[in-house]
C-alpha atoms as a PDB file:
ATOM      1  CA  MET A   1       7.584   7.639  -9.250  1.00  0.00           C
ATOM      2  CA  ARG A   2       4.919   4.891  -9.039  1.00  0.00           C
ATOM      3  CA  TYR A   3       2.582   3.761  -6.304  1.00  0.00           C
ATOM      4  CA  PHE A   4      -0.283   1.414  -5.471  1.00  0.00           C
ATOM      5  CA  THR A   5      -3.057   1.388  -3.009  1.00  0.00           C
ATOM      6  CA  VAL A   6      -3.117  -1.041  -0.099  1.00  0.00           C
ATOM      7  CA  VAL A   7      -6.585  -2.141   1.070  1.00  0.00           C
ATOM      8  CA  ASP A   8      -7.793  -4.124   4.058  1.00  0.00           C
ATOM      9  CA  LYS A   9      -8.314  -7.760   3.257  1.00  0.00           C
ATOM     10  CA  GLN A  10     -11.445  -7.915   5.461  1.00  0.00           C
ATOM     11  CA  GLY A  11     -13.514  -4.896   4.388  1.00  0.00           C
ATOM     12  CA  GLY A  12     -11.604  -3.322   1.528  1.00  0.00           C
ATOM     13  CA  ALA A  13     -10.935   0.013   3.271  1.00  0.00           C
ATOM     14  CA  ILE A  14      -7.824   1.890   2.086  1.00  0.00           C
ATOM     15  CA  LEU A  15      -4.992   1.423   4.561  1.00  0.00           C
ATOM     16  CA  GLY A  16      -2.244   3.295   2.742  1.00  0.00           C
ATOM     17  CA  TYR A  17      -0.023   3.474  -0.280  1.00  0.00           C
ATOM     18  CA  VAL A  18       3.281   1.871  -1.313  1.00  0.00           C
ATOM     19  CA  TRP A  19       5.448   4.088  -3.498  1.00  0.00           C
ATOM     20  CA  ALA A  20       8.872   3.852  -5.217  1.00  0.00           C
ATOM     21  CA  GLY A  21      11.081   5.942  -7.348  1.00  0.00           C
ATOM     22  CA  ASP A  22      14.329   4.867  -9.014  1.00  0.00           C
ATOM     23  CA  GLU A  23      15.708   8.435  -9.415  1.00  0.00           C
ATOM     24  CA  GLU A  24      15.532   8.921  -5.675  1.00  0.00           C
ATOM     25  CA  ASP A  25      16.472   5.266  -5.016  1.00  0.00           C
ATOM     26  CA  ALA A  26      13.649   5.276  -2.493  1.00  0.00           C
ATOM     27  CA  ALA A  27      10.540   3.347  -1.591  1.00  0.00           C
ATOM     28  CA  ALA A  28       8.104   3.472   1.346  1.00  0.00           C
ATOM     29  CA  TYR A  29       4.669   2.841   2.699  1.00  0.00           C
ATOM     30  CA  GLU A  30       2.455   5.879   3.499  1.00  0.00           C
ATOM     31  CA  PRO A  31      -0.419   5.175   5.843  1.00  0.00           C
ATOM     32  CA  ARG A  32      -3.793   6.702   5.070  1.00  0.00           C
ATOM     33  CA  GLN A  33      -4.510   9.201   7.765  1.00  0.00           C
ATOM     34  CA  THR A  34      -8.182   8.133   8.164  1.00  0.00           C
ATOM     35  CA  ALA A  35      -7.180   4.504   8.465  1.00  0.00           C
ATOM     36  CA  GLY A  36      -5.948   5.204  11.970  1.00  0.00           C
ATOM     37  CA  PRO A  37      -3.766   2.620  13.844  1.00  0.00           C
ATOM     38  CA  ARG A  38      -4.709  -0.171  11.458  1.00  0.00           C
ATOM     39  CA  GLY A  39      -3.223   1.779   8.483  1.00  0.00           C
ATOM     40  CA  ALA A  40      -0.127   2.809  10.493  1.00  0.00           C
ATOM     41  CA  ASN A  41       0.514  -0.725  11.760  1.00  0.00           C
ATOM     42  CA  GLU A  42       0.428  -2.098   8.226  1.00  0.00           C
ATOM     43  CA  GLY A  43       3.559   0.072   7.461  1.00  0.00           C
ATOM     44  CA  GLY A  44       5.857  -2.393   9.291  1.00  0.00           C
ATOM     45  CA  PHE A  45       4.850  -5.244   7.036  1.00  0.00           C
ATOM     46  CA  TRP A  46       5.285  -3.308   3.795  1.00  0.00           C
ATOM     47  CA  GLY A  47       8.501  -1.599   5.030  1.00  0.00           C
ATOM     48  CA  ARG A  48      10.103  -5.011   5.775  1.00  0.00           C
ATOM     49  CA  ARG A  49       9.238  -6.255   2.324  1.00  0.00           C
ATOM     50  CA  LEU A  50      10.709  -3.204   0.704  1.00  0.00           C
ATOM     51  CA  ARG A  51      13.917  -3.550   2.731  1.00  0.00           C
ATOM     52  CA  ARG A  52      14.310  -7.181   1.785  1.00  0.00           C
ATOM     53  CA  ALA A  53      13.936  -6.219  -1.887  1.00  0.00           C
ATOM     54  CA  LYS A  54      16.602  -3.602  -1.485  1.00  0.00           C
ATOM     55  CA  GLU A  55      18.883  -6.071   0.165  1.00  0.00           C
ATOM     56  CA  ARG A  56      18.428  -8.363  -2.896  1.00  0.00           C
ATOM     57  CA  GLY A  57      19.758  -5.491  -5.017  1.00  0.00           C
ATOM     58  CA  ILE A  58      16.643  -4.750  -7.080  1.00  0.00           C
ATOM     59  CA  ARG A  59      15.531  -1.295  -8.063  1.00  0.00           C
ATOM     60  CA  PRO A  60      12.739   0.356  -6.110  1.00  0.00           C
ATOM     61  CA  THR A  61      10.244   0.279  -8.945  1.00  0.00           C
ATOM     62  CA  GLN A  62      11.017  -3.375  -9.597  1.00  0.00           C
ATOM     63  CA  ALA A  63      10.315  -4.018  -5.914  1.00  0.00           C
ATOM     64  CA  LEU A  64       7.049  -2.108  -6.193  1.00  0.00           C
ATOM     65  CA  THR A  65       5.925  -4.184  -9.213  1.00  0.00           C
ATOM     66  CA  GLU A  66       6.879  -7.383  -7.313  1.00  0.00           C
ATOM     67  CA  LEU A  67       4.838  -6.416  -4.268  1.00  0.00           C
ATOM     68  CA  TYR A  68       1.937  -5.289  -6.409  1.00  0.00           C
ATOM     69  CA  GLY A  69       1.944  -8.713  -8.156  1.00  0.00           C
ATOM     70  CA  ASP A  70       1.402 -10.647  -4.890  1.00  0.00           C
ATOM     71  CA  PRO A  71      -2.429 -10.624  -4.511  1.00  0.00           C
ATOM     72  CA  GLU A  72      -2.482 -12.232  -1.083  1.00  0.00           C
ATOM     73  CA  PRO A  73       0.631 -11.182   0.931  1.00  0.00           C
ATOM     74  CA  GLY A  74       0.846 -11.657   4.669  1.00  0.00           C
ATOM     75  CA  GLY A  75      -0.316  -8.796   6.888  1.00  0.00           C
ATOM     76  CA  LYS A  76      -3.752  -7.253   7.043  1.00  0.00           C
ATOM     77  CA  GLY A  77      -3.649  -5.530   3.636  1.00  0.00           C
ATOM     78  CA  ARG A  78      -3.269  -6.391  -0.039  1.00  0.00           C
ATOM     79  CA  PRO A  79      -2.715  -4.454  -3.241  1.00  0.00           C
ATOM     80  CA  LEU A  80      -5.856  -3.037  -4.790  1.00  0.00           C
ATOM     81  CA  PRO A  81      -6.141  -4.435  -8.298  1.00  0.00           C
ATOM     82  CA  GLY A  82      -5.808  -1.768 -10.966  1.00  0.00           C
ATOM     83  CA  SER A  83      -4.279   0.772  -8.582  1.00  0.00           C
ATOM     84  CA  LEU A  84      -0.680   0.767  -9.799  1.00  0.00           C
ATOM     85  CA  THR A  85      -0.117   4.243 -11.291  1.00  0.00           C
ATOM     86  CA  ASP A  86       2.246   7.193 -11.602  1.00  0.00           C
ATOM     87  CA  ALA A  87       2.791  10.111  -9.252  1.00  0.00           C
ATOM     88  CA  PRO A  88       4.946  13.175  -9.736  1.00  0.00           C
ATOM     89  CA  ASN A  89       6.789  12.642  -6.491  1.00  0.00           C
ATOM     90  CA  ALA A  90       6.639  11.223  -2.985  1.00  0.00           C
ATOM     91  CA  ALA A  91       5.020  14.344  -1.669  1.00  0.00           C
ATOM     92  CA  ALA A  92       2.098  13.810  -3.946  1.00  0.00           C
ATOM     93  CA  VAL A  93       1.515  10.344  -2.443  1.00  0.00           C
ATOM     94  CA  GLU A  94       1.898  11.734   1.032  1.00  0.00           C
ATOM     95  CA  ALA A  95      -0.740  14.360   0.257  1.00  0.00           C
ATOM     96  CA  LEU A  96      -3.023  11.740  -1.156  1.00  0.00           C
ATOM     97  CA  ALA A  97      -2.779   9.792   2.140  1.00  0.00           C
ATOM     98  CA  LYS A  98      -3.690  12.901   4.170  1.00  0.00           C
ATOM     99  CA  ASP A  99      -6.509  14.243   1.944  1.00  0.00           C
ATOM    100  CA  GLU A 100      -8.723  11.145   1.777  1.00  0.00           C
END
């Protein structure tokens, strides 16, 4: 399982996390609880991008790497440079989003 941090393009606040795992054949955006509506609203943008990648037939972690490599995507957020890392599972990313 891998994930990266999504930050606000304006002020750099953490909006959420995009994660993916090939074993689970799953990928998603997890909003940061303290980011409020702005973090939650960003989920639609990242979710659509993940679905399009799945429709193209690429593995979840390949999609994650592709999204991470786009420094200025549409939407309000962008990948935080240097934040692509490993997690033991999706629950760990969900907990990270709630604890901060």
